[in-house]
């Protein structure tokens, strides 16, 4: 333990025995596991999308990128209305790209 809550720290500050990377844990001590790194961005996974006609939902596999360089997989589940909205929004991005290429933004 490097620091305890209340001794100049709002969280536990921990380091593995013998040294290594430090991490913080919540002050309520419900867990002393490392606090997950913050998400920086999400990108589509290089996997195909699926549509569930019974649930009337589409799903897109994603990769979640974190500030520590780690990644995890997730699934974006979209309703029919959301699918239509995002279809329009992606089309708008493509349109803006074309205008930028033409120099007419």
C-alpha atoms as a PDB file:
ATOM      1  CA  UNK A   1       0.000   0.000   0.000  1.00  0.00           C
ATOM      2  CA  UNK A   2       1.420   3.350  -1.039  1.00  0.00           C
ATOM      3  CA  UNK A   3      -1.288   5.608   0.452  1.00  0.00           C
ATOM      4  CA  UNK A   4      -4.530   5.207   2.372  1.00  0.00           C
ATOM      5  CA  UNK A   5      -7.636   7.323   1.866  1.00  0.00           C
ATOM      6  CA  UNK A   6      -7.507  10.307   4.198  1.00  0.00           C
ATOM      7  CA  UNK A   7      -3.697  10.459   4.311  1.00  0.00           C
ATOM      8  CA  UNK A   8      -3.340  12.881   1.433  1.00  0.00           C
ATOM      9  CA  UNK A   9      -5.243  10.613  -0.936  1.00  0.00           C
ATOM     10  CA  UNK A  10      -8.911  10.186  -1.868  1.00  0.00           C
ATOM     11  CA  UNK A  11      -8.366   6.549  -2.862  1.00  0.00           C
ATOM     12  CA  UNK A  12      -6.147   3.648  -1.939  1.00  0.00           C
ATOM     13  CA  UNK A  13      -2.872   3.842  -3.861  1.00  0.00           C
ATOM     14  CA  UNK A  14      -1.446   0.377  -4.372  1.00  0.00           C
ATOM     15  CA  UNK A  15       1.683  -1.208  -5.841  1.00  0.00           C
ATOM     16  CA  UNK A  16       2.459  -4.914  -6.283  1.00  0.00           C
ATOM     17  CA  UNK A  17       4.884  -6.397  -3.738  1.00  0.00           C
ATOM     18  CA  UNK A  18       8.406  -5.945  -5.031  1.00  0.00           C
ATOM     19  CA  UNK A  19       7.463  -2.972  -7.240  1.00  0.00           C
ATOM     20  CA  UNK A  20       5.626  -2.467 -10.482  1.00  0.00           C
ATOM     21  CA  UNK A  21       2.863  -0.293 -11.819  1.00  0.00           C
ATOM     22  CA  UNK A  22       0.764   1.493  -9.202  1.00  0.00           C
ATOM     23  CA  UNK A  23      -3.026   1.630  -9.318  1.00  0.00           C
ATOM     24  CA  UNK A  24      -5.871   3.195  -7.363  1.00  0.00           C
ATOM     25  CA  UNK A  25      -8.850   1.577  -5.691  1.00  0.00           C
ATOM     26  CA  UNK A  26     -12.061   3.197  -4.374  1.00  0.00           C
ATOM     27  CA  UNK A  27     -11.907   4.662  -0.877  1.00  0.00           C
ATOM     28  CA  UNK A  28     -14.936   2.631   0.274  1.00  0.00           C
ATOM     29  CA  UNK A  29     -12.731  -0.494   0.085  1.00  0.00           C
ATOM     30  CA  UNK A  30     -15.459  -2.499  -1.661  1.00  0.00           C
ATOM     31  CA  UNK A  31     -12.718  -3.704  -3.935  1.00  0.00           C
ATOM     32  CA  UNK A  32      -9.002  -3.332  -3.944  1.00  0.00           C
ATOM     33  CA  UNK A  33      -8.683  -4.484  -7.516  1.00  0.00           C
ATOM     34  CA  UNK A  34      -7.227  -2.039 -10.046  1.00  0.00           C
ATOM     35  CA  UNK A  35      -9.590   0.668 -11.269  1.00  0.00           C
ATOM     36  CA  UNK A  36     -10.214   0.065 -14.986  1.00  0.00           C
ATOM     37  CA  UNK A  37      -8.501   2.391 -17.432  1.00  0.00           C
ATOM     38  CA  UNK A  38     -10.725   5.046 -18.970  1.00  0.00           C
ATOM     39  CA  UNK A  39     -12.212   4.395 -22.396  1.00  0.00           C
ATOM     40  CA  UNK A  40     -10.748   6.650 -25.092  1.00  0.00           C
ATOM     41  CA  UNK A  41     -12.772   5.567 -28.115  1.00  0.00           C
ATOM     42  CA  UNK A  42     -14.734   2.748 -29.737  1.00  0.00           C
ATOM     43  CA  UNK A  43     -14.261   1.348 -33.257  1.00  0.00           C
ATOM     44  CA  UNK A  44     -16.175  -1.235 -35.278  1.00  0.00           C
ATOM     45  CA  UNK A  45     -14.736  -4.741 -35.016  1.00  0.00           C
ATOM     46  CA  UNK A  46     -13.775  -6.430 -38.258  1.00  0.00           C
ATOM     47  CA  UNK A  47     -16.737  -8.783 -37.913  1.00  0.00           C
ATOM     48  CA  UNK A  48     -20.075  -8.820 -39.690  1.00  0.00           C
ATOM     49  CA  UNK A  49     -23.186  -7.214 -38.259  1.00  0.00           C
ATOM     50  CA  UNK A  50     -26.296  -9.265 -37.479  1.00  0.00           C
ATOM     51  CA  UNK A  51     -30.027  -8.579 -37.560  1.00  0.00           C
ATOM     52  CA  UNK A  52     -32.513 -10.349 -35.299  1.00  0.00           C
ATOM     53  CA  UNK A  53     -35.898 -10.151 -37.030  1.00  0.00           C
ATOM     54  CA  UNK A  54     -37.751 -11.456 -33.960  1.00  0.00           C
ATOM     55  CA  UNK A  55     -36.357  -8.718 -31.699  1.00  0.00           C
ATOM     56  CA  UNK A  56     -36.255  -6.243 -34.599  1.00  0.00           C
ATOM     57  CA  UNK A  57     -32.747  -5.215 -33.585  1.00  0.00           C
ATOM     58  CA  UNK A  58     -29.413  -5.041 -35.300  1.00  0.00           C
ATOM     59  CA  UNK A  59     -26.092  -5.635 -33.601  1.00  0.00           C
ATOM     60  CA  UNK A  60     -22.600  -4.401 -34.488  1.00  0.00           C
ATOM     61  CA  UNK A  61     -19.472  -5.862 -32.876  1.00  0.00           C
ATOM     62  CA  UNK A  62     -17.187  -3.148 -31.472  1.00  0.00           C
ATOM     63  CA  UNK A  63     -13.700  -2.792 -30.031  1.00  0.00           C
ATOM     64  CA  UNK A  64     -13.428  -0.568 -26.941  1.00  0.00           C
ATOM     65  CA  UNK A  65     -10.032   1.150 -26.640  1.00  0.00           C
ATOM     66  CA  UNK A  66      -8.664   2.293 -23.260  1.00  0.00           C
ATOM     67  CA  UNK A  67      -6.076   4.874 -22.254  1.00  0.00           C
ATOM     68  CA  UNK A  68      -3.684   2.157 -21.105  1.00  0.00           C
ATOM     69  CA  UNK A  69      -3.627   0.616 -24.599  1.00  0.00           C
ATOM     70  CA  UNK A  70      -5.923  -2.244 -23.637  1.00  0.00           C
ATOM     71  CA  UNK A  71      -8.977  -3.238 -25.635  1.00  0.00           C
ATOM     72  CA  UNK A  72     -12.147  -5.196 -25.019  1.00  0.00           C
ATOM     73  CA  UNK A  73     -15.018  -6.368 -27.174  1.00  0.00           C
ATOM     74  CA  UNK A  74     -18.568  -5.074 -26.950  1.00  0.00           C
ATOM     75  CA  UNK A  75     -21.780  -5.246 -28.925  1.00  0.00           C
ATOM     76  CA  UNK A  76     -23.820  -2.220 -30.031  1.00  0.00           C
ATOM     77  CA  UNK A  77     -27.483  -3.237 -30.155  1.00  0.00           C
ATOM     78  CA  UNK A  78     -29.735  -0.927 -32.175  1.00  0.00           C
ATOM     79  CA  UNK A  79     -33.509  -0.682 -32.551  1.00  0.00           C
ATOM     80  CA  UNK A  80     -35.051  -0.157 -35.978  1.00  0.00           C
ATOM     81  CA  UNK A  81     -35.358   3.578 -35.316  1.00  0.00           C
ATOM     82  CA  UNK A  82     -31.731   3.803 -34.256  1.00  0.00           C
ATOM     83  CA  UNK A  83     -30.646   1.830 -37.330  1.00  0.00           C
ATOM     84  CA  UNK A  84     -32.459   4.308 -39.558  1.00  0.00           C
ATOM     85  CA  UNK A  85     -31.030   7.310 -37.690  1.00  0.00           C
ATOM     86  CA  UNK A  86     -27.452   6.023 -37.815  1.00  0.00           C
ATOM     87  CA  UNK A  87     -27.838   5.052 -41.462  1.00  0.00           C
ATOM     88  CA  UNK A  88     -28.717   8.684 -42.169  1.00  0.00           C
ATOM     89  CA  UNK A  89     -25.855   9.967 -39.990  1.00  0.00           C
ATOM     90  CA  UNK A  90     -23.243   7.729 -41.650  1.00  0.00           C
ATOM     91  CA  UNK A  91     -24.568   8.835 -45.039  1.00  0.00           C
ATOM     92  CA  UNK A  92     -24.136  12.445 -43.886  1.00  0.00           C
ATOM     93  CA  UNK A  93     -20.493  11.766 -42.911  1.00  0.00           C
ATOM     94  CA  UNK A  94     -19.861  10.322 -46.377  1.00  0.00           C
ATOM     95  CA  UNK A  95     -21.515  13.375 -47.946  1.00  0.00           C
ATOM     96  CA  UNK A  96     -19.315  15.731 -45.877  1.00  0.00           C
ATOM     97  CA  UNK A  97     -16.214  13.761 -46.893  1.00  0.00           C
ATOM     98  CA  UNK A  98     -17.137  14.124 -50.568  1.00  0.00           C
ATOM     99  CA  UNK A  99     -17.672  17.866 -50.166  1.00  0.00           C
ATOM    100  CA  UNK A 100     -14.303  18.203 -48.416  1.00  0.00           C
ATOM    101  CA  UNK A 101     -12.629  16.331 -51.281  1.00  0.00           C
ATOM    102  CA  UNK A 102     -14.224  18.766 -53.727  1.00  0.00           C
ATOM    103  CA  UNK A 103     -13.222  21.712 -51.531  1.00  0.00           C
ATOM    104  CA  UNK A 104     -16.823  22.842 -51.106  1.00  0.00           C
ATOM    105  CA  UNK A 105     -17.377  22.431 -47.349  1.00  0.00           C
END
